Amino acid sequence: LKPSARHIQKELEFEIEVKTNSLGM
């Protein structure tokens, strides 16, 4: 996972934010 990154994961059953910290977690 890239550090300090963000995207919206959108599937048929959910839509959530995936955000990482500076350690790539």
mmCIF file of all heavy atoms, coordinates in Angstrom:
data_MODEL
# 
_entry.id   MODEL 
# 
loop_
_atom_site.group_PDB 
_atom_site.id 
_atom_site.type_symbol 
_atom_site.label_atom_id 
_atom_site.label_alt_id 
_atom_site.label_comp_id 
_atom_site.label_asym_id 
_atom_site.label_entity_id 
_atom_site.label_seq_id 
_atom_site.pdbx_PDB_ins_code 
_atom_site.Cartn_x 
_atom_site.Cartn_y 
_atom_site.Cartn_z 
_atom_site.occupancy 
_atom_site.B_iso_or_equiv 
_atom_site.pdbx_formal_charge 
_atom_site.auth_seq_id 
_atom_site.auth_comp_id 
_atom_site.auth_asym_id 
_atom_site.auth_atom_id 
_atom_site.pdbx_PDB_model_num 
ATOM 1   N N   . LEU A 1 1  ? 0.847   -1.191 0.000  1.00 0.00 ? 1  LEU A N   1 
ATOM 2   C CA  . LEU A 1 1  ? 0.000   0.000  0.000  1.00 0.00 ? 1  LEU A CA  1 
ATOM 3   C C   . LEU A 1 1  ? 0.882   1.239  0.000  1.00 0.00 ? 1  LEU A C   1 
ATOM 4   O O   . LEU A 1 1  ? 1.869   1.314  0.727  1.00 0.00 ? 1  LEU A O   1 
ATOM 5   C CB  . LEU A 1 1  ? -0.905  0.012  1.238  1.00 0.00 ? 1  LEU A CB  1 
ATOM 6   C CG  . LEU A 1 1  ? -1.877  -1.164 1.379  1.00 0.00 ? 1  LEU A CG  1 
ATOM 7   C CD1 . LEU A 1 1  ? -2.678  -1.041 2.665  1.00 0.00 ? 1  LEU A CD1 1 
ATOM 8   C CD2 . LEU A 1 1  ? -2.808  -1.246 0.177  1.00 0.00 ? 1  LEU A CD2 1 
ATOM 9   N N   . LYS A 1 2  ? 0.520   2.203  -0.815 1.00 0.00 ? 2  LYS A N   1 
ATOM 10  C CA  . LYS A 1 2  ? 1.276   3.447  -0.872 1.00 0.00 ? 2  LYS A CA  1 
ATOM 11  C C   . LYS A 1 2  ? 1.044   4.247  0.414  1.00 0.00 ? 2  LYS A C   1 
ATOM 12  O O   . LYS A 1 2  ? -0.069  4.294  0.939  1.00 0.00 ? 2  LYS A O   1 
ATOM 13  C CB  . LYS A 1 2  ? 0.824   4.285  -2.070 1.00 0.00 ? 2  LYS A CB  1 
ATOM 14  C CG  . LYS A 1 2  ? 1.074   3.642  -3.417 1.00 0.00 ? 2  LYS A CG  1 
ATOM 15  C CD  . LYS A 1 2  ? 0.539   4.517  -4.543 1.00 0.00 ? 2  LYS A CD  1 
ATOM 16  C CE  . LYS A 1 2  ? 0.739   3.864  -5.904 1.00 0.00 ? 2  LYS A CE  1 
ATOM 17  N NZ  . LYS A 1 2  ? 0.182   4.692  -6.998 1.00 0.00 ? 2  LYS A NZ  1 
ATOM 18  N N   . PRO A 1 3  ? 2.078   4.870  0.932  1.00 0.00 ? 3  PRO A N   1 
ATOM 19  C CA  . PRO A 1 3  ? 1.900   5.712  2.132  1.00 0.00 ? 3  PRO A CA  1 
ATOM 20  C C   . PRO A 1 3  ? 1.046   6.935  1.833  1.00 0.00 ? 3  PRO A C   1 
ATOM 21  O O   . PRO A 1 3  ? 1.094   7.498  0.728  1.00 0.00 ? 3  PRO A O   1 
ATOM 22  C CB  . PRO A 1 3  ? 3.336   6.124  2.487  1.00 0.00 ? 3  PRO A CB  1 
ATOM 23  C CG  . PRO A 1 3  ? 4.214   5.147  1.763  1.00 0.00 ? 3  PRO A CG  1 
ATOM 24  C CD  . PRO A 1 3  ? 3.481   4.767  0.522  1.00 0.00 ? 3  PRO A CD  1 
ATOM 25  N N   . SER A 1 4  ? 0.249   7.345  2.813  1.00 0.00 ? 4  SER A N   1 
ATOM 26  C CA  . SER A 1 4  ? -0.545  8.579  2.754  1.00 0.00 ? 4  SER A CA  1 
ATOM 27  C C   . SER A 1 4  ? -1.342  8.674  1.458  1.00 0.00 ? 4  SER A C   1 
ATOM 28  O O   . SER A 1 4  ? -1.313  9.685  0.747  1.00 0.00 ? 4  SER A O   1 
ATOM 29  C CB  . SER A 1 4  ? 0.367   9.799  2.909  1.00 0.00 ? 4  SER A CB  1 
ATOM 30  O OG  . SER A 1 4  ? 1.118   9.726  4.108  1.00 0.00 ? 4  SER A OG  1 
ATOM 31  N N   . ALA A 1 5  ? -2.054  7.608  1.132  1.00 0.00 ? 5  ALA A N   1 
ATOM 32  C CA  . ALA A 1 5  ? -2.850  7.555  -0.100 1.00 0.00 ? 5  ALA A CA  1 
ATOM 33  C C   . ALA A 1 5  ? -4.316  7.308  0.238  1.00 0.00 ? 5  ALA A C   1 
ATOM 34  O O   . ALA A 1 5  ? -4.670  6.959  1.361  1.00 0.00 ? 5  ALA A O   1 
ATOM 35  C CB  . ALA A 1 5  ? -2.323  6.465  -1.027 1.00 0.00 ? 5  ALA A CB  1 
ATOM 36  N N   . ARG A 1 6  ? -5.175  7.470  -0.767 1.00 0.00 ? 6  ARG A N   1 
ATOM 37  C CA  . ARG A 1 6  ? -6.607  7.341  -0.528 1.00 0.00 ? 6  ARG A CA  1 
ATOM 38  C C   . ARG A 1 6  ? -7.327  6.965  -1.816 1.00 0.00 ? 6  ARG A C   1 
ATOM 39  O O   . ARG A 1 6  ? -6.965  7.418  -2.901 1.00 0.00 ? 6  ARG A O   1 
ATOM 40  C CB  . ARG A 1 6  ? -7.168  8.662  0.000  1.00 0.00 ? 6  ARG A CB  1 
ATOM 41  C CG  . ARG A 1 6  ? -8.671  8.723  0.157  1.00 0.00 ? 6  ARG A CG  1 
ATOM 42  C CD  . ARG A 1 6  ? -9.137  10.119 0.520  1.00 0.00 ? 6  ARG A CD  1 
ATOM 43  N NE  . ARG A 1 6  ? -10.587 10.206 0.608  1.00 0.00 ? 6  ARG A NE  1 
ATOM 44  C CZ  . ARG A 1 6  ? -11.406 10.409 -0.418 1.00 0.00 ? 6  ARG A CZ  1 
ATOM 45  N NH1 . ARG A 1 6  ? -10.893 10.551 -1.632 1.00 0.00 ? 6  ARG A NH1 1 
ATOM 46  N NH2 . ARG A 1 6  ? -12.714 10.458 -0.254 1.00 0.00 ? 6  ARG A NH2 1 
ATOM 47  N N   . HIS A 1 7  ? -8.353  6.134  -1.691 1.00 0.00 ? 7  HIS A N   1 
ATOM 48  C CA  . HIS A 1 7  ? -9.282  5.910  -2.792 1.00 0.00 ? 7  HIS A CA  1 
ATOM 49  C C   . HIS A 1 7  ? -10.605 5.393  -2.242 1.00 0.00 ? 7  HIS A C   1 
ATOM 50  O O   . HIS A 1 7  ? -10.705 4.988  -1.081 1.00 0.00 ? 7  HIS A O   1 
ATOM 51  C CB  . HIS A 1 7  ? -8.681  4.948  -3.823 1.00 0.00 ? 7  HIS A CB  1 
ATOM 52  C CG  . HIS A 1 7  ? -8.996  3.494  -3.596 1.00 0.00 ? 7  HIS A CG  1 
ATOM 53  N ND1 . HIS A 1 7  ? -9.981  2.830  -4.283 1.00 0.00 ? 7  HIS A ND1 1 
ATOM 54  C CD2 . HIS A 1 7  ? -8.466  2.584  -2.753 1.00 0.00 ? 7  HIS A CD2 1 
ATOM 55  C CE1 . HIS A 1 7  ? -10.029 1.568  -3.876 1.00 0.00 ? 7  HIS A CE1 1 
ATOM 56  N NE2 . HIS A 1 7  ? -9.127  1.386  -2.959 1.00 0.00 ? 7  HIS A NE2 1 
ATOM 57  N N   . ILE A 1 8  ? -11.620 5.434  -3.060 1.00 0.00 ? 8  ILE A N   1 
ATOM 58  C CA  . ILE A 1 8  ? -12.942 4.923  -2.702 1.00 0.00 ? 8  ILE A CA  1 
ATOM 59  C C   . ILE A 1 8  ? -13.119 3.550  -3.341 1.00 0.00 ? 8  ILE A C   1 
ATOM 60  O O   . ILE A 1 8  ? -13.027 3.417  -4.566 1.00 0.00 ? 8  ILE A O   1 
ATOM 61  C CB  . ILE A 1 8  ? -14.071 5.860  -3.169 1.00 0.00 ? 8  ILE A CB  1 
ATOM 62  C CG1 . ILE A 1 8  ? -13.916 7.243  -2.549 1.00 0.00 ? 8  ILE A CG1 1 
ATOM 63  C CG2 . ILE A 1 8  ? -15.433 5.269  -2.819 1.00 0.00 ? 8  ILE A CG2 1 
ATOM 64  C CD1 . ILE A 1 8  ? -14.014 7.267  -1.038 1.00 0.00 ? 8  ILE A CD1 1 
ATOM 65  N N   . GLN A 1 9  ? -13.322 2.539  -2.519 1.00 0.00 ? 9  GLN A N   1 
ATOM 66  C CA  . GLN A 1 9  ? -13.569 1.188  -3.015 1.00 0.00 ? 9  GLN A CA  1 
ATOM 67  C C   . GLN A 1 9  ? -15.075 1.004  -3.167 1.00 0.00 ? 9  GLN A C   1 
ATOM 68  O O   . GLN A 1 9  ? -15.824 1.057  -2.188 1.00 0.00 ? 9  GLN A O   1 
ATOM 69  C CB  . GLN A 1 9  ? -13.013 0.136  -2.060 1.00 0.00 ? 9  GLN A CB  1 
ATOM 70  C CG  . GLN A 1 9  ? -13.199 -1.300 -2.569 1.00 0.00 ? 9  GLN A CG  1 
ATOM 71  C CD  . GLN A 1 9  ? -12.782 -2.339 -1.542 1.00 0.00 ? 9  GLN A CD  1 
ATOM 72  O OE1 . GLN A 1 9  ? -12.485 -2.011 -0.396 1.00 0.00 ? 9  GLN A OE1 1 
ATOM 73  N NE2 . GLN A 1 9  ? -12.764 -3.596 -1.949 1.00 0.00 ? 9  GLN A NE2 1 
ATOM 74  N N   . LYS A 1 10 ? -15.532 0.813  -4.384 1.00 0.00 ? 10 LYS A N   1 
ATOM 75  C CA  . LYS A 1 10 ? -16.959 0.678  -4.656 1.00 0.00 ? 10 LYS A CA  1 
ATOM 76  C C   . LYS A 1 10 ? -17.239 -0.660 -5.310 1.00 0.00 ? 10 LYS A C   1 
ATOM 77  O O   . LYS A 1 10 ? -16.733 -0.951 -6.389 1.00 0.00 ? 10 LYS A O   1 
ATOM 78  C CB  . LYS A 1 10 ? -17.449 1.812  -5.556 1.00 0.00 ? 10 LYS A CB  1 
ATOM 79  C CG  . LYS A 1 10 ? -18.959 1.826  -5.776 1.00 0.00 ? 10 LYS A CG  1 
ATOM 80  C CD  . LYS A 1 10 ? -19.395 3.040  -6.572 1.00 0.00 ? 10 LYS A CD  1 
ATOM 81  C CE  . LYS A 1 10 ? -20.908 3.084  -6.735 1.00 0.00 ? 10 LYS A CE  1 
ATOM 82  N NZ  . LYS A 1 10 ? -21.340 4.267  -7.534 1.00 0.00 ? 10 LYS A NZ  1 
ATOM 83  N N   . GLU A 1 11 ? -18.015 -1.476 -4.641 1.00 0.00 ? 11 GLU A N   1 
ATOM 84  C CA  . GLU A 1 11 ? -18.417 -2.775 -5.160 1.00 0.00 ? 11 GLU A CA  1 
ATOM 85  C C   . GLU A 1 11 ? -19.940 -2.859 -5.135 1.00 0.00 ? 11 GLU A C   1 
ATOM 86  O O   . GLU A 1 11 ? -20.624 -1.912 -4.703 1.00 0.00 ? 11 GLU A O   1 
ATOM 87  C CB  . GLU A 1 11 ? -17.804 -3.898 -4.313 1.00 0.00 ? 11 GLU A CB  1 
ATOM 88  C CG  . GLU A 1 11 ? -16.288 -3.837 -4.158 1.00 0.00 ? 11 GLU A CG  1 
ATOM 89  C CD  . GLU A 1 11 ? -15.536 -4.109 -5.443 1.00 0.00 ? 11 GLU A CD  1 
ATOM 90  O OE1 . GLU A 1 11 ? -16.160 -4.623 -6.392 1.00 0.00 ? 11 GLU A OE1 1 
ATOM 91  O OE2 . GLU A 1 11 ? -14.325 -3.801 -5.497 1.00 0.00 ? 11 GLU A OE2 1 
ATOM 92  N N   . LEU A 1 12 ? -20.485 -3.975 -5.581 1.00 0.00 ? 12 LEU A N   1 
ATOM 93  C CA  . LEU A 1 12 ? -21.939 -4.132 -5.590 1.00 0.00 ? 12 LEU A CA  1 
ATOM 94  C C   . LEU A 1 12 ? -22.524 -4.054 -4.185 1.00 0.00 ? 12 LEU A C   1 
ATOM 95  O O   . LEU A 1 12 ? -23.647 -3.586 -3.987 1.00 0.00 ? 12 LEU A O   1 
ATOM 96  C CB  . LEU A 1 12 ? -22.320 -5.481 -6.225 1.00 0.00 ? 12 LEU A CB  1 
ATOM 97  C CG  . LEU A 1 12 ? -22.072 -5.625 -7.732 1.00 0.00 ? 12 LEU A CG  1 
ATOM 98  C CD1 . LEU A 1 12 ? -22.353 -7.055 -8.169 1.00 0.00 ? 12 LEU A CD1 1 
ATOM 99  C CD2 . LEU A 1 12 ? -22.926 -4.640 -8.517 1.00 0.00 ? 12 LEU A CD2 1 
ATOM 100 N N   . GLU A 1 13 ? -21.752 -4.502 -3.181 1.00 0.00 ? 13 GLU A N   1 
ATOM 101 C CA  . GLU A 1 13 ? -22.285 -4.632 -1.829 1.00 0.00 ? 13 GLU A CA  1 
ATOM 102 C C   . GLU A 1 13 ? -21.834 -3.541 -0.865 1.00 0.00 ? 13 GLU A C   1 
ATOM 103 O O   . GLU A 1 13 ? -22.340 -3.458 0.254  1.00 0.00 ? 13 GLU A O   1 
ATOM 104 C CB  . GLU A 1 13 ? -21.882 -5.993 -1.258 1.00 0.00 ? 13 GLU A CB  1 
ATOM 105 C CG  . GLU A 1 13 ? -22.434 -7.157 -2.067 1.00 0.00 ? 13 GLU A CG  1 
ATOM 106 C CD  . GLU A 1 13 ? -21.790 -8.474 -1.697 1.00 0.00 ? 13 GLU A CD  1 
ATOM 107 O OE1 . GLU A 1 13 ? -20.584 -8.626 -1.948 1.00 0.00 ? 13 GLU A OE1 1 
ATOM 108 O OE2 . GLU A 1 13 ? -22.495 -9.333 -1.144 1.00 0.00 ? 13 GLU A OE2 1 
ATOM 109 N N   . PHE A 1 14 ? -20.890 -2.703 -1.274 1.00 0.00 ? 14 PHE A N   1 
ATOM 110 C CA  . PHE A 1 14 ? -20.412 -1.669 -0.362 1.00 0.00 ? 14 PHE A CA  1 
ATOM 111 C C   . PHE A 1 14 ? -19.668 -0.584 -1.119 1.00 0.00 ? 14 PHE A C   1 
ATOM 112 O O   . PHE A 1 14 ? -19.251 -0.754 -2.262 1.00 0.00 ? 14 PHE A O   1 
ATOM 113 C CB  . PHE A 1 14 ? -19.500 -2.263 0.718  1.00 0.00 ? 14 PHE A CB  1 
ATOM 114 C CG  . PHE A 1 14 ? -18.343 -3.071 0.180  1.00 0.00 ? 14 PHE A CG  1 
ATOM 115 C CD1 . PHE A 1 14 ? -17.203 -2.463 -0.299 1.00 0.00 ? 14 PHE A CD1 1 
ATOM 116 C CD2 . PHE A 1 14 ? -18.407 -4.467 0.155  1.00 0.00 ? 14 PHE A CD2 1 
ATOM 117 C CE1 . PHE A 1 14 ? -16.141 -3.205 -0.803 1.00 0.00 ? 14 PHE A CE1 1 
ATOM 118 C CE2 . PHE A 1 14 ? -17.353 -5.224 -0.334 1.00 0.00 ? 14 PHE A CE2 1 
ATOM 119 C CZ  . PHE A 1 14 ? -16.215 -4.580 -0.811 1.00 0.00 ? 14 PHE A CZ  1 
ATOM 120 N N   . GLU A 1 15 ? -19.511 0.542  -0.449 1.00 0.00 ? 15 GLU A N   1 
ATOM 121 C CA  . GLU A 1 15 ? -18.701 1.652  -0.936 1.00 0.00 ? 15 GLU A CA  1 
ATOM 122 C C   . GLU A 1 15 ? -18.010 2.258  0.280  1.00 0.00 ? 15 GLU A C   1 
ATOM 123 O O   . GLU A 1 15 ? -18.662 2.791  1.177  1.00 0.00 ? 15 GLU A O   1 
ATOM 124 C CB  . GLU A 1 15 ? -19.548 2.710  -1.631 1.00 0.00 ? 15 GLU A CB  1 
ATOM 125 C CG  . GLU A 1 15 ? -18.730 3.877  -2.165 1.00 0.00 ? 15 GLU A CG  1 
ATOM 126 C CD  . GLU A 1 15 ? -19.561 4.873  -2.967 1.00 0.00 ? 15 GLU A CD  1 
ATOM 127 O OE1 . GLU A 1 15 ? -20.685 4.503  -3.368 1.00 0.00 ? 15 GLU A OE1 1 
ATOM 128 O OE2 . GLU A 1 15 ? -19.088 6.004  -3.180 1.00 0.00 ? 15 GLU A OE2 1 
ATOM 129 N N   . ILE A 1 16 ? -16.687 2.161  0.326  1.00 0.00 ? 16 ILE A N   1 
ATOM 130 C CA  . ILE A 1 16 ? -15.939 2.605  1.499  1.00 0.00 ? 16 ILE A CA  1 
ATOM 131 C C   . ILE A 1 16 ? -14.688 3.375  1.080  1.00 0.00 ? 16 ILE A C   1 
ATOM 132 O O   . ILE A 1 16 ? -14.212 3.252  -0.049 1.00 0.00 ? 16 ILE A O   1 
ATOM 133 C CB  . ILE A 1 16 ? -15.505 1.417  2.391  1.00 0.00 ? 16 ILE A CB  1 
ATOM 134 C CG1 . ILE A 1 16 ? -14.609 0.455  1.595  1.00 0.00 ? 16 ILE A CG1 1 
ATOM 135 C CG2 . ILE A 1 16 ? -16.704 0.709  2.990  1.00 0.00 ? 16 ILE A CG2 1 
ATOM 136 C CD1 . ILE A 1 16 ? -13.842 -0.513 2.443  1.00 0.00 ? 16 ILE A CD1 1 
ATOM 137 N N   . GLU A 1 17 ? -14.163 4.139  2.020  1.00 0.00 ? 17 GLU A N   1 
ATOM 138 C CA  . GLU A 1 17 ? -12.909 4.834  1.813  1.00 0.00 ? 17 GLU A CA  1 
ATOM 139 C C   . GLU A 1 17 ? -11.755 3.943  2.281  1.00 0.00 ? 17 GLU A C   1 
ATOM 140 O O   . GLU A 1 17 ? -11.823 3.353  3.357  1.00 0.00 ? 17 GLU A O   1 
ATOM 141 C CB  . GLU A 1 17 ? -12.881 6.143  2.593  1.00 0.00 ? 17 GLU A CB  1 
ATOM 142 C CG  . GLU A 1 17 ? -11.568 6.909  2.437  1.00 0.00 ? 17 GLU A CG  1 
ATOM 143 C CD  . GLU A 1 17 ? -11.485 8.133  3.331  1.00 0.00 ? 17 GLU A CD  1 
ATOM 144 O OE1 . GLU A 1 17 ? -11.684 7.982  4.556  1.00 0.00 ? 17 GLU A OE1 1 
ATOM 145 O OE2 . GLU A 1 17 ? -11.222 9.226  2.813  1.00 0.00 ? 17 GLU A OE2 1 
ATOM 146 N N   . VAL A 1 18 ? -10.738 3.842  1.453  1.00 0.00 ? 18 VAL A N   1 
ATOM 147 C CA  . VAL A 1 18 ? -9.507  3.159  1.843  1.00 0.00 ? 18 VAL A CA  1 
ATOM 148 C C   . VAL A 1 18 ? -8.416  4.222  1.912  1.00 0.00 ? 18 VAL A C   1 
ATOM 149 O O   . VAL A 1 18 ? -8.039  4.808  0.904  1.00 0.00 ? 18 VAL A O   1 
ATOM 150 C CB  . VAL A 1 18 ? -9.122  2.056  0.845  1.00 0.00 ? 18 VAL A CB  1 
ATOM 151 C CG1 . VAL A 1 18 ? -7.792  1.415  1.248  1.00 0.00 ? 18 VAL A CG1 1 
ATOM 152 C CG2 . VAL A 1 18 ? -10.213 1.008  0.754  1.00 0.00 ? 18 VAL A CG2 1 
ATOM 153 N N   . LYS A 1 19 ? -7.942  4.465  3.120  1.00 0.00 ? 19 LYS A N   1 
ATOM 154 C CA  . LYS A 1 19 ? -6.965  5.516  3.355  1.00 0.00 ? 19 LYS A CA  1 
ATOM 155 C C   . LYS A 1 19 ? -5.788  4.945  4.126  1.00 0.00 ? 19 LYS A C   1 
ATOM 156 O O   . LYS A 1 19 ? -5.981  4.176  5.068  1.00 0.00 ? 19 LYS A O   1 
ATOM 157 C CB  . LYS A 1 19 ? -7.621  6.643  4.148  1.00 0.00 ? 19 LYS A CB  1 
ATOM 158 C CG  . LYS A 1 19 ? -6.766  7.885  4.342  1.00 0.00 ? 19 LYS A CG  1 
ATOM 159 C CD  . LYS A 1 19 ? -7.560  8.944  5.095  1.00 0.00 ? 19 LYS A CD  1 
ATOM 160 C CE  . LYS A 1 19 ? -6.743  10.207 5.313  1.00 0.00 ? 19 LYS A CE  1 
ATOM 161 N NZ  . LYS A 1 19 ? -7.515  11.227 6.062  1.00 0.00 ? 19 LYS A NZ  1 
ATOM 162 N N   . THR A 1 20 ? -4.578  5.301  3.727  1.00 0.00 ? 20 THR A N   1 
ATOM 163 C CA  . THR A 1 20 ? -3.392  4.761  4.389  1.00 0.00 ? 20 THR A CA  1 
ATOM 164 C C   . THR A 1 20 ? -2.670  5.859  5.174  1.00 0.00 ? 20 THR A C   1 
ATOM 165 O O   . THR A 1 20 ? -2.787  7.050  4.866  1.00 0.00 ? 20 THR A O   1 
ATOM 166 C CB  . THR A 1 20 ? -2.411  4.152  3.376  1.00 0.00 ? 20 THR A CB  1 
ATOM 167 O OG1 . THR A 1 20 ? -1.976  5.174  2.463  1.00 0.00 ? 20 THR A OG1 1 
ATOM 168 C CG2 . THR A 1 20 ? -3.068  3.021  2.601  1.00 0.00 ? 20 THR A CG2 1 
ATOM 169 N N   . ASN A 1 21 ? -1.908  5.427  6.185  1.00 0.00 ? 21 ASN A N   1 
ATOM 170 C CA  . ASN A 1 21 ? -1.119  6.380  6.954  1.00 0.00 ? 21 ASN A CA  1 
ATOM 171 C C   . ASN A 1 21 ? 0.276   6.514  6.354  1.00 0.00 ? 21 ASN A C   1 
ATOM 172 O O   . ASN A 1 21 ? 0.571   5.938  5.301  1.00 0.00 ? 21 ASN A O   1 
ATOM 173 C CB  . ASN A 1 21 ? -1.075  5.984  8.435  1.00 0.00 ? 21 ASN A CB  1 
ATOM 174 C CG  . ASN A 1 21 ? -0.386  4.640  8.657  1.00 0.00 ? 21 ASN A CG  1 
ATOM 175 O OD1 . ASN A 1 21 ? 0.322   4.123  7.795  1.00 0.00 ? 21 ASN A OD1 1 
ATOM 176 N ND2 . ASN A 1 21 ? -0.588  4.057  9.827  1.00 0.00 ? 21 ASN A ND2 1 
ATOM 177 N N   . SER A 1 22 ? 1.147   7.245  7.018  1.00 0.00 ? 22 SER A N   1 
ATOM 178 C CA  . SER A 1 22 ? 2.477   7.510  6.478  1.00 0.00 ? 22 SER A CA  1 
ATOM 179 C C   . SER A 1 22 ? 3.367   6.265  6.443  1.00 0.00 ? 22 SER A C   1 
ATOM 180 O O   . SER A 1 22 ? 4.416   6.263  5.796  1.00 0.00 ? 22 SER A O   1 
ATOM 181 C CB  . SER A 1 22 ? 3.175   8.606  7.295  1.00 0.00 ? 22 SER A CB  1 
ATOM 182 O OG  . SER A 1 22 ? 3.284   8.228  8.655  1.00 0.00 ? 22 SER A OG  1 
ATOM 183 N N   . LEU A 1 23 ? 2.950   5.200  7.143  1.00 0.00 ? 23 LEU A N   1 
ATOM 184 C CA  . LEU A 1 23 ? 3.704   3.943  7.119  1.00 0.00 ? 23 LEU A CA  1 
ATOM 185 C C   . LEU A 1 23 ? 3.182   2.973  6.062  1.00 0.00 ? 23 LEU A C   1 
ATOM 186 O O   . LEU A 1 23 ? 3.659   1.849  5.953  1.00 0.00 ? 23 LEU A O   1 
ATOM 187 C CB  . LEU A 1 23 ? 3.636   3.277  8.502  1.00 0.00 ? 23 LEU A CB  1 
ATOM 188 C CG  . LEU A 1 23 ? 4.261   4.043  9.660  1.00 0.00 ? 23 LEU A CG  1 
ATOM 189 C CD1 . LEU A 1 23 ? 4.026   3.312  10.983 1.00 0.00 ? 23 LEU A CD1 1 
ATOM 190 C CD2 . LEU A 1 23 ? 5.747   4.270  9.427  1.00 0.00 ? 23 LEU A CD2 1 
ATOM 191 N N   . GLY A 1 24 ? 2.182   3.414  5.275  1.00 0.00 ? 24 GLY A N   1 
ATOM 192 C CA  . GLY A 1 24 ? 1.618   2.542  4.253  1.00 0.00 ? 24 GLY A CA  1 
ATOM 193 C C   . GLY A 1 24 ? 0.723   1.467  4.827  1.00 0.00 ? 24 GLY A C   1 
ATOM 194 O O   . GLY A 1 24 ? 0.685   0.346  4.323  1.00 0.00 ? 24 GLY A O   1 
ATOM 195 N N   . MET A 1 25 ? -0.031  1.793  5.878  1.00 0.00 ? 25 MET A N   1 
ATOM 196 C CA  . MET A 1 25 ? -0.957  0.861  6.515  1.00 0.00 ? 25 MET A CA  1 
ATOM 197 C C   . MET A 1 25 ? -2.366  1.437  6.460  1.00 0.00 ? 25 MET A C   1 
ATOM 198 O O   . MET A 1 25 ? -2.543  2.663  6.541  1.00 0.00 ? 25 MET A O   1 
ATOM 199 C CB  . MET A 1 25 ? -0.569  0.635  7.984  1.00 0.00 ? 25 MET A CB  1 
ATOM 200 C CG  . MET A 1 25 ? 0.836   0.111  8.191  1.00 0.00 ? 25 MET A CG  1 
ATOM 201 S SD  . MET A 1 25 ? 1.478   0.514  9.843  1.00 0.00 ? 25 MET A SD  1 
ATOM 202 C CE  . MET A 1 25 ? 0.256   -0.277 10.882 1.00 0.00 ? 25 MET A CE  1 
# 
